Amino acid sequence: MFTHEEIWQAIDDLAQRHGYSASGLAKAAGLDPTTFNKSKRHSADGKPRWPSTESISKILAVTGENMAEFLGINPQTN
């Protein structure tokens, strides 16, 4: 299981690996540029807001990475 912080860090890391800011990555993926703003990662009452699977799918498509790369998982081979 991944934490809220780990998922958001993965988005920030993905953006950096591909030469984007978080807002630049969102824009490149056809999302609102504010989608990944740090200010939107928690609601006004402090509850964590999670990125949608659709948003994650779009940023993976624009960067050409897969889910394992995004999450930093090293698949084991048998």
PDB file of N, CA and C in Angstrom:
ATOM      1  N   MET A   1       0.850  -1.178   0.000  1.00  0.00           N
ATOM      2  CA  MET A   1       0.000   0.000   0.000  1.00  0.00           C
ATOM      3  C   MET A   1       0.890   1.233   0.000  1.00  0.00           C
ATOM      4  N   PHE A   2       0.453   2.240  -0.687  1.00  0.00           N
ATOM      5  CA  PHE A   2       1.196   3.483  -0.775  1.00  0.00           C
ATOM      6  C   PHE A   2       0.479   4.567  -0.004  1.00  0.00           C
ATOM      7  N   THR A   3       1.255   5.439   0.606  1.00  0.00           N
ATOM      8  CA  THR A   3       0.659   6.524   1.377  1.00  0.00           C
ATOM      9  C   THR A   3       0.342   7.714   0.465  1.00  0.00           C
ATOM     10  N   HIS A   4      -0.451   8.582   0.986  1.00  0.00           N
ATOM     11  CA  HIS A   4      -0.799   9.820   0.312  1.00  0.00           C
ATOM     12  C   HIS A   4       0.477  10.581  -0.069  1.00  0.00           C
ATOM     13  N   GLU A   5       1.385  10.694   0.864  1.00  0.00           N
ATOM     14  CA  GLU A   5       2.626  11.408   0.617  1.00  0.00           C
ATOM     15  C   GLU A   5       3.475  10.730  -0.465  1.00  0.00           C
ATOM     16  N   GLU A   6       3.510   9.412  -0.458  1.00  0.00           N
ATOM     17  CA  GLU A   6       4.303   8.685  -1.458  1.00  0.00           C
ATOM     18  C   GLU A   6       3.752   8.881  -2.869  1.00  0.00           C
ATOM     19  N   ILE A   7       2.444   8.890  -3.006  1.00  0.00           N
ATOM     20  CA  ILE A   7       1.841   9.089  -4.328  1.00  0.00           C
ATOM     21  C   ILE A   7       2.153  10.499  -4.836  1.00  0.00           C
ATOM     22  N   TRP A   8       1.985  11.492  -3.977  1.00  0.00           N
ATOM     23  CA  TRP A   8       2.278  12.856  -4.407  1.00  0.00           C
ATOM     24  C   TRP A   8       3.759  13.048  -4.690  1.00  0.00           C
ATOM     25  N   GLN A   9       4.615  12.393  -3.914  1.00  0.00           N
ATOM     26  CA  GLN A   9       6.049  12.472  -4.181  1.00  0.00           C
ATOM     27  C   GLN A   9       6.374  11.818  -5.520  1.00  0.00           C
ATOM     28  N   ALA A  10       5.695  10.732  -5.835  1.00  0.00           N
ATOM     29  CA  ALA A  10       5.904  10.061  -7.124  1.00  0.00           C
ATOM     30  C   ALA A  10       5.532  10.990  -8.283  1.00  0.00           C
ATOM     31  N   ILE A  11       4.471  11.773  -8.119  1.00  0.00           N
ATOM     32  CA  ILE A  11       4.080  12.744  -9.152  1.00  0.00           C
ATOM     33  C   ILE A  11       5.158  13.818  -9.296  1.00  0.00           C
ATOM     34  N   ASP A  12       5.624  14.336  -8.175  1.00  0.00           N
ATOM     35  CA  ASP A  12       6.685  15.351  -8.223  1.00  0.00           C
ATOM     36  C   ASP A  12       7.950  14.797  -8.858  1.00  0.00           C
ATOM     37  N   ASP A  13       8.305  13.564  -8.504  1.00  0.00           N
ATOM     38  CA  ASP A  13       9.508  12.941  -9.059  1.00  0.00           C
ATOM     39  C   ASP A  13       9.361  12.692 -10.562  1.00  0.00           C
ATOM     40  N   LEU A  14       8.190  12.234 -10.977  1.00  0.00           N
ATOM     41  CA  LEU A  14       7.928  11.995 -12.391  1.00  0.00           C
ATOM     42  C   LEU A  14       8.093  13.295 -13.182  1.00  0.00           C
ATOM     43  N   ALA A  15       7.510  14.353 -12.665  1.00  0.00           N
ATOM     44  CA  ALA A  15       7.626  15.654 -13.330  1.00  0.00           C
ATOM     45  C   ALA A  15       9.094  16.049 -13.466  1.00  0.00           C
ATOM     46  N   GLN A  16       9.837  15.935 -12.396  1.00  0.00           N
ATOM     47  CA  GLN A  16      11.244  16.335 -12.407  1.00  0.00           C
ATOM     48  C   GLN A  16      12.059  15.482 -13.377  1.00  0.00           C
ATOM     49  N   ARG A  17      11.830  14.170 -13.388  1.00  0.00           N
ATOM     50  CA  ARG A  17      12.569  13.291 -14.301  1.00  0.00           C
ATOM     51  C   ARG A  17      12.382  13.673 -15.757  1.00  0.00           C
ATOM     52  N   HIS A  18      11.225  14.260 -16.066  1.00  0.00           N
ATOM     53  CA  HIS A  18      10.911  14.591 -17.452  1.00  0.00           C
ATOM     54  C   HIS A  18      10.992  16.097 -17.732  1.00  0.00           C
ATOM     55  N   GLY A  19      11.616  16.827 -16.828  1.00  0.00           N
ATOM     56  CA  GLY A  19      11.868  18.244 -17.058  1.00  0.00           C
ATOM     57  C   GLY A  19      10.681  19.163 -16.871  1.00  0.00           C
ATOM     58  N   TYR A  20       9.707  18.725 -16.096  1.00  0.00           N
ATOM     59  CA  TYR A  20       8.518  19.535 -15.844  1.00  0.00           C
ATOM     60  C   TYR A  20       8.438  19.949 -14.386  1.00  0.00           C
ATOM     61  N   SER A  21       7.691  21.002 -14.146  1.00  0.00           N
ATOM     62  CA  SER A  21       7.176  21.271 -12.806  1.00  0.00           C
ATOM     63  C   SER A  21       5.904  20.438 -12.691  1.00  0.00           C
ATOM     64  N   ALA A  22       5.347  20.343 -11.506  1.00  0.00           N
ATOM     65  CA  ALA A  22       4.092  19.593 -11.350  1.00  0.00           C
ATOM     66  C   ALA A  22       2.994  20.221 -12.212  1.00  0.00           C
ATOM     67  N   SER A  23       2.937  21.548 -12.260  1.00  0.00           N
ATOM     68  CA  SER A  23       1.902  22.199 -13.066  1.00  0.00           C
ATOM     69  C   SER A  23       2.185  22.036 -14.560  1.00  0.00           C
ATOM     70  N   GLY A  24       3.449  22.047 -14.938  1.00  0.00           N
ATOM     71  CA  GLY A  24       3.804  21.827 -16.337  1.00  0.00           C
ATOM     72  C   GLY A  24       3.449  20.427 -16.803  1.00  0.00           C
ATOM     73  N   LEU A  25       3.650  19.448 -15.927  1.00  0.00           N
ATOM     74  CA  LEU A  25       3.284  18.076 -16.254  1.00  0.00           C
ATOM     75  C   LEU A  25       1.770  17.954 -16.419  1.00  0.00           C
ATOM     76  N   ALA A  26       1.024  18.564 -15.519  1.00  0.00           N
ATOM     77  CA  ALA A  26      -0.435  18.534 -15.629  1.00  0.00           C
ATOM     78  C   ALA A  26      -0.882  19.139 -16.957  1.00  0.00           C
ATOM     79  N   LYS A  27      -0.326  20.271 -17.291  1.00  0.00           N
ATOM     80  CA  LYS A  27      -0.689  20.951 -18.541  1.00  0.00           C
ATOM     81  C   LYS A  27      -0.337  20.092 -19.755  1.00  0.00           C
ATOM     82  N   ALA A  28       0.853  19.474 -19.753  1.00  0.00           N
ATOM     83  CA  ALA A  28       1.274  18.622 -20.864  1.00  0.00           C
ATOM     84  C   ALA A  28       0.343  17.427 -21.033  1.00  0.00           C
ATOM     85  N   ALA A  29      -0.242  16.986 -19.929  1.00  0.00           N
ATOM     86  CA  ALA A  29      -1.149  15.839 -19.955  1.00  0.00           C
ATOM     87  C   ALA A  29      -2.593  16.235 -20.262  1.00  0.00           C
ATOM     88  N   GLY A  30      -2.823  17.508 -20.534  1.00  0.00           N
ATOM     89  CA  GLY A  30      -4.172  17.969 -20.859  1.00  0.00           C
ATOM     90  C   GLY A  30      -5.044  18.220 -19.647  1.00  0.00           C
ATOM     91  N   LEU A  31      -4.407  18.359 -18.494  1.00  0.00           N
ATOM     92  CA  LEU A  31      -5.136  18.624 -17.256  1.00  0.00           C
ATOM     93  C   LEU A  31      -5.029  20.104 -16.911  1.00  0.00           C
ATOM     94  N   ASP A  32      -5.867  20.549 -16.015  1.00  0.00           N
ATOM     95  CA  ASP A  32      -5.755  21.910 -15.514  1.00  0.00           C
ATOM     96  C   ASP A  32      -4.372  22.060 -14.875  1.00  0.00           C
ATOM     97  N   PRO A  33      -3.663  23.147 -15.155  1.00  0.00           N
ATOM     98  CA  PRO A  33      -2.315  23.312 -14.613  1.00  0.00           C
ATOM     99  C   PRO A  33      -2.244  23.291 -13.086  1.00  0.00           C
ATOM    100  N   THR A  34      -3.358  23.541 -12.419  1.00  0.00           N
ATOM    101  CA  THR A  34      -3.343  23.552 -10.954  1.00  0.00           C
ATOM    102  C   THR A  34      -3.663  22.189 -10.336  1.00  0.00           C
ATOM    103  N   THR A  35      -3.880  21.183 -11.168  1.00  0.00           N
ATOM    104  CA  THR A  35      -4.286  19.863 -10.696  1.00  0.00           C
ATOM    105  C   THR A  35      -3.369  19.314  -9.614  1.00  0.00           C
ATOM    106  N   PHE A  36      -2.049  19.502  -9.780  1.00  0.00           N
ATOM    107  CA  PHE A  36      -1.091  18.906  -8.849  1.00  0.00           C
ATOM    108  C   PHE A  36      -0.465  19.913  -7.892  1.00  0.00           C
ATOM    109  N   ASN A  37      -1.063  21.102  -7.790  1.00  0.00           N
ATOM    110  CA  ASN A  37      -0.537  22.106  -6.863  1.00  0.00           C
ATOM    111  C   ASN A  37      -0.498  21.563  -5.443  1.00  0.00           C
ATOM    112  N   LYS A  38       0.551  21.929  -4.727  1.00  0.00           N
ATOM    113  CA  LYS A  38       0.680  21.490  -3.336  1.00  0.00           C
ATOM    114  C   LYS A  38      -0.506  21.962  -2.499  1.00  0.00           C
ATOM    115  N   SER A  39      -1.061  23.102  -2.819  1.00  0.00           N
ATOM    116  CA  SER A  39      -2.196  23.634  -2.062  1.00  0.00           C
ATOM    117  C   SER A  39      -3.468  22.809  -2.251  1.00  0.00           C
ATOM    118  N   LYS A  40      -3.511  21.970  -3.271  1.00  0.00           N
ATOM    119  CA  LYS A  40      -4.700  21.160  -3.536  1.00  0.00           C
ATOM    120  C   LYS A  40      -4.559  19.727  -3.028  1.00  0.00           C
ATOM    121  N   ARG A  41      -3.492  19.441  -2.329  1.00  0.00           N
ATOM    122  CA  ARG A  41      -3.234  18.070  -1.883  1.00  0.00           C
ATOM    123  C   ARG A  41      -3.952  17.730  -0.578  1.00  0.00           C
ATOM    124  N   HIS A  42      -4.506  18.745   0.048  1.00  0.00           N
ATOM    125  CA  HIS A  42      -5.335  18.567   1.243  1.00  0.00           C
ATOM    126  C   HIS A  42      -6.529  19.508   1.128  1.00  0.00           C
ATOM    127  N   SER A  43      -7.674  19.074   1.632  1.00  0.00           N
ATOM    128  CA  SER A  43      -8.861  19.926   1.609  1.00  0.00           C
ATOM    129  C   SER A  43      -8.739  20.993   2.691  1.00  0.00           C
ATOM    130  N   ALA A  44      -9.660  21.923   2.697  1.00  0.00           N
ATOM    131  CA  ALA A  44      -9.638  23.012   3.672  1.00  0.00           C
ATOM    132  C   ALA A  44      -9.655  22.495   5.103  1.00  0.00           C
ATOM    133  N   ASP A  45     -10.304  21.343   5.308  1.00  0.00           N
ATOM    134  CA  ASP A  45     -10.365  20.788   6.669  1.00  0.00           C
ATOM    135  C   ASP A  45      -9.203  19.837   6.974  1.00  0.00           C
ATOM    136  N   GLY A  46      -8.219  19.780   6.063  1.00  0.00           N
ATOM    137  CA  GLY A  46      -7.022  18.999   6.306  1.00  0.00           C
ATOM    138  C   GLY A  46      -7.041  17.565   5.811  1.00  0.00           C
ATOM    139  N   LYS A  47      -8.179  17.142   5.251  1.00  0.00           N
ATOM    140  CA  LYS A  47      -8.252  15.773   4.738  1.00  0.00           C
ATOM    141  C   LYS A  47      -7.406  15.647   3.480  1.00  0.00           C
ATOM    142  N   PRO A  48      -6.702  14.531   3.344  1.00  0.00           N
ATOM    143  CA  PRO A  48      -5.886  14.356   2.142  1.00  0.00           C
ATOM    144  C   PRO A  48      -6.744  14.199   0.888  1.00  0.00           C
ATOM    145  N   ARG A  49      -6.319  14.858  -0.166  1.00  0.00           N
ATOM    146  CA  ARG A  49      -6.934  14.686  -1.483  1.00  0.00           C
ATOM    147  C   ARG A  49      -5.983  13.840  -2.308  1.00  0.00           C
ATOM    148  N   TRP A  50      -6.518  12.815  -2.915  1.00  0.00           N
ATOM    149  CA  TRP A  50      -5.724  11.902  -3.717  1.00  0.00           C
ATOM    150  C   TRP A  50      -5.902  12.224  -5.191  1.00  0.00           C
ATOM    151  N   PRO A  51      -4.850  12.085  -5.988  1.00  0.00           N
ATOM    152  CA  PRO A  51      -5.013  12.283  -7.433  1.00  0.00           C
ATOM    153  C   PRO A  51      -5.871  11.163  -8.008  1.00  0.00           C
ATOM    154  N   SER A  52      -6.603  11.457  -9.046  1.00  0.00           N
ATOM    155  CA  SER A  52      -7.449  10.430  -9.650  1.00  0.00           C
ATOM    156  C   SER A  52      -6.599   9.470 -10.478  1.00  0.00           C
ATOM    157  N   THR A  53      -7.121   8.275 -10.657  1.00  0.00           N
ATOM    158  CA  THR A  53      -6.428   7.315 -11.516  1.00  0.00           C
ATOM    159  C   THR A  53      -6.390   7.832 -12.949  1.00  0.00           C
ATOM    160  N   GLU A  54      -7.386   8.582 -13.349  1.00  0.00           N
ATOM    161  CA  GLU A  54      -7.394   9.166 -14.693  1.00  0.00           C
ATOM    162  C   GLU A  54      -6.242  10.165 -14.853  1.00  0.00           C
ATOM    163  N   SER A  55      -6.021  10.994 -13.846  1.00  0.00           N
ATOM    164  CA  SER A  55      -4.916  11.956 -13.901  1.00  0.00           C
ATOM    165  C   SER A  55      -3.577  11.235 -13.957  1.00  0.00           C
ATOM    166  N   ILE A  56      -3.430  10.194 -13.152  1.00  0.00           N
ATOM    167  CA  ILE A  56      -2.186   9.431 -13.160  1.00  0.00           C
ATOM    168  C   ILE A  56      -1.983   8.776 -14.523  1.00  0.00           C
ATOM    169  N   SER A  57      -3.037   8.217 -15.074  1.00  0.00           N
ATOM    170  CA  SER A  57      -2.945   7.594 -16.389  1.00  0.00           C
ATOM    171  C   SER A  57      -2.489   8.599 -17.441  1.00  0.00           C
ATOM    172  N   LYS A  58      -3.003   9.796 -17.387  1.00  0.00           N
ATOM    173  CA  LYS A  58      -2.653  10.823 -18.374  1.00  0.00           C
ATOM    174  C   LYS A  58      -1.198  11.259 -18.245  1.00  0.00           C
ATOM    175  N   ILE A  59      -0.689  11.381 -17.026  1.00  0.00           N
ATOM    176  CA  ILE A  59       0.705  11.801 -16.890  1.00  0.00           C
ATOM    177  C   ILE A  59       1.665  10.667 -17.254  1.00  0.00           C
ATOM    178  N   LEU A  60       1.236   9.428 -17.050  1.00  0.00           N
ATOM    179  CA  LEU A  60       2.059   8.303 -17.484  1.00  0.00           C
ATOM    180  C   LEU A  60       2.108   8.249 -19.006  1.00  0.00           C
ATOM    181  N   ALA A  61       0.982   8.514 -19.646  1.00  0.00           N
ATOM    182  CA  ALA A  61       0.936   8.493 -21.114  1.00  0.00           C
ATOM    183  C   ALA A  61       1.838   9.575 -21.703  1.00  0.00           C
ATOM    184  N   VAL A  62       1.815  10.751 -21.137  1.00  0.00           N
ATOM    185  CA  VAL A  62       2.603  11.854 -21.698  1.00  0.00           C
ATOM    186  C   VAL A  62       4.099  11.664 -21.448  1.00  0.00           C
ATOM    187  N   THR A  63       4.462  10.954 -20.392  1.00  0.00           N
ATOM    188  CA  THR A  63       5.881  10.732 -20.096  1.00  0.00           C
ATOM    189  C   THR A  63       6.393   9.410 -20.647  1.00  0.00           C
ATOM    190  N   GLY A  64       5.483   8.501 -20.990  1.00  0.00           N
ATOM    191  CA  GLY A  64       5.881   7.199 -21.497  1.00  0.00           C
ATOM    192  C   GLY A  64       6.326   6.226 -20.422  1.00  0.00           C
ATOM    193  N   GLU A  65       6.087   6.573 -19.168  1.00  0.00           N
ATOM    194  CA  GLU A  65       6.442   5.671 -18.075  1.00  0.00           C
ATOM    195  C   GLU A  65       5.280   4.730 -17.774  1.00  0.00           C
ATOM    196  N   ASN A  66       5.607   3.621 -17.128  1.00  0.00           N
ATOM    197  CA  ASN A  66       4.551   2.705 -16.698  1.00  0.00           C
ATOM    198  C   ASN A  66       4.356   2.842 -15.192  1.00  0.00           C
ATOM    199  N   MET A  67       3.380   2.140 -14.678  1.00  0.00           N
ATOM    200  CA  MET A  67       3.032   2.275 -13.262  1.00  0.00           C
ATOM    201  C   MET A  67       4.189   1.862 -12.352  1.00  0.00           C
ATOM    202  N   ALA A  68       4.900   0.799 -12.699  1.00  0.00           N
ATOM    203  CA  ALA A  68       6.020   0.347 -11.870  1.00  0.00           C
ATOM    204  C   ALA A  68       7.102   1.423 -11.795  1.00  0.00           C
ATOM    205  N   GLU A  69       7.416   2.034 -12.939  1.00  0.00           N
ATOM    206  CA  GLU A  69       8.415   3.101 -12.952  1.00  0.00           C
ATOM    207  C   GLU A  69       7.935   4.284 -12.118  1.00  0.00           C
ATOM    208  N   PHE A  70       6.681   4.637 -12.285  1.00  0.00           N
ATOM    209  CA  PHE A  70       6.082   5.760 -11.553  1.00  0.00           C
ATOM    210  C   PHE A  70       6.203   5.562 -10.050  1.00  0.00           C
ATOM    211  N   LEU A  71       5.928   4.355  -9.593  1.00  0.00           N
ATOM    212  CA  LEU A  71       5.934   4.069  -8.162  1.00  0.00           C
ATOM    213  C   LEU A  71       7.307   3.641  -7.643  1.00  0.00           C
ATOM    214  N   GLY A  72       8.267   3.516  -8.556  1.00  0.00           N
ATOM    215  CA  GLY A  72       9.603   3.127  -8.135  1.00  0.00           C
ATOM    216  C   GLY A  72       9.690   1.658  -7.736  1.00  0.00           C
ATOM    217  N   ILE A  73       8.865   0.843  -8.369  1.00  0.00           N
ATOM    218  CA  ILE A  73       8.845  -0.585  -8.065  1.00  0.00           C
ATOM    219  C   ILE A  73       9.793  -1.288  -9.033  1.00  0.00           C
ATOM    220  N   ASN A  74      10.605  -2.157  -8.506  1.00  0.00           N
ATOM    221  CA  ASN A  74      11.484  -2.982  -9.327  1.00  0.00           C
ATOM    222  C   ASN A  74      10.875  -4.368  -9.411  1.00  0.00           C
ATOM    223  N   PRO A  75      10.199  -4.653 -10.514  1.00  0.00           N
ATOM    224  CA  PRO A  75       9.562  -5.971 -10.634  1.00  0.00           C
ATOM    225  C   PRO A  75      10.612  -7.092 -10.551  1.00  0.00           C
ATOM    226  N   GLN A  76      10.267  -8.097  -9.799  1.00  0.00           N
ATOM    227  CA  GLN A  76      11.168  -9.240  -9.675  1.00  0.00           C
ATOM    228  C   GLN A  76      10.875 -10.227 -10.789  1.00  0.00           C
ATOM    229  N   THR A  77      11.904 -10.764 -11.354  1.00  0.00           N
ATOM    230  CA  THR A  77      11.723 -11.786 -12.375  1.00  0.00           C
ATOM    231  C   THR A  77      11.995 -13.146 -11.765  1.00  0.00           C
ATOM    232  N   ASN A  78      11.303 -14.148 -12.236  1.00  0.00           N
ATOM    233  CA  ASN A  78      11.491 -15.511 -11.714  1.00  0.00           C
ATOM    234  C   ASN A  78      12.434 -16.293 -12.572  1.00  0.00           C
TER     235      ASN A  78
END
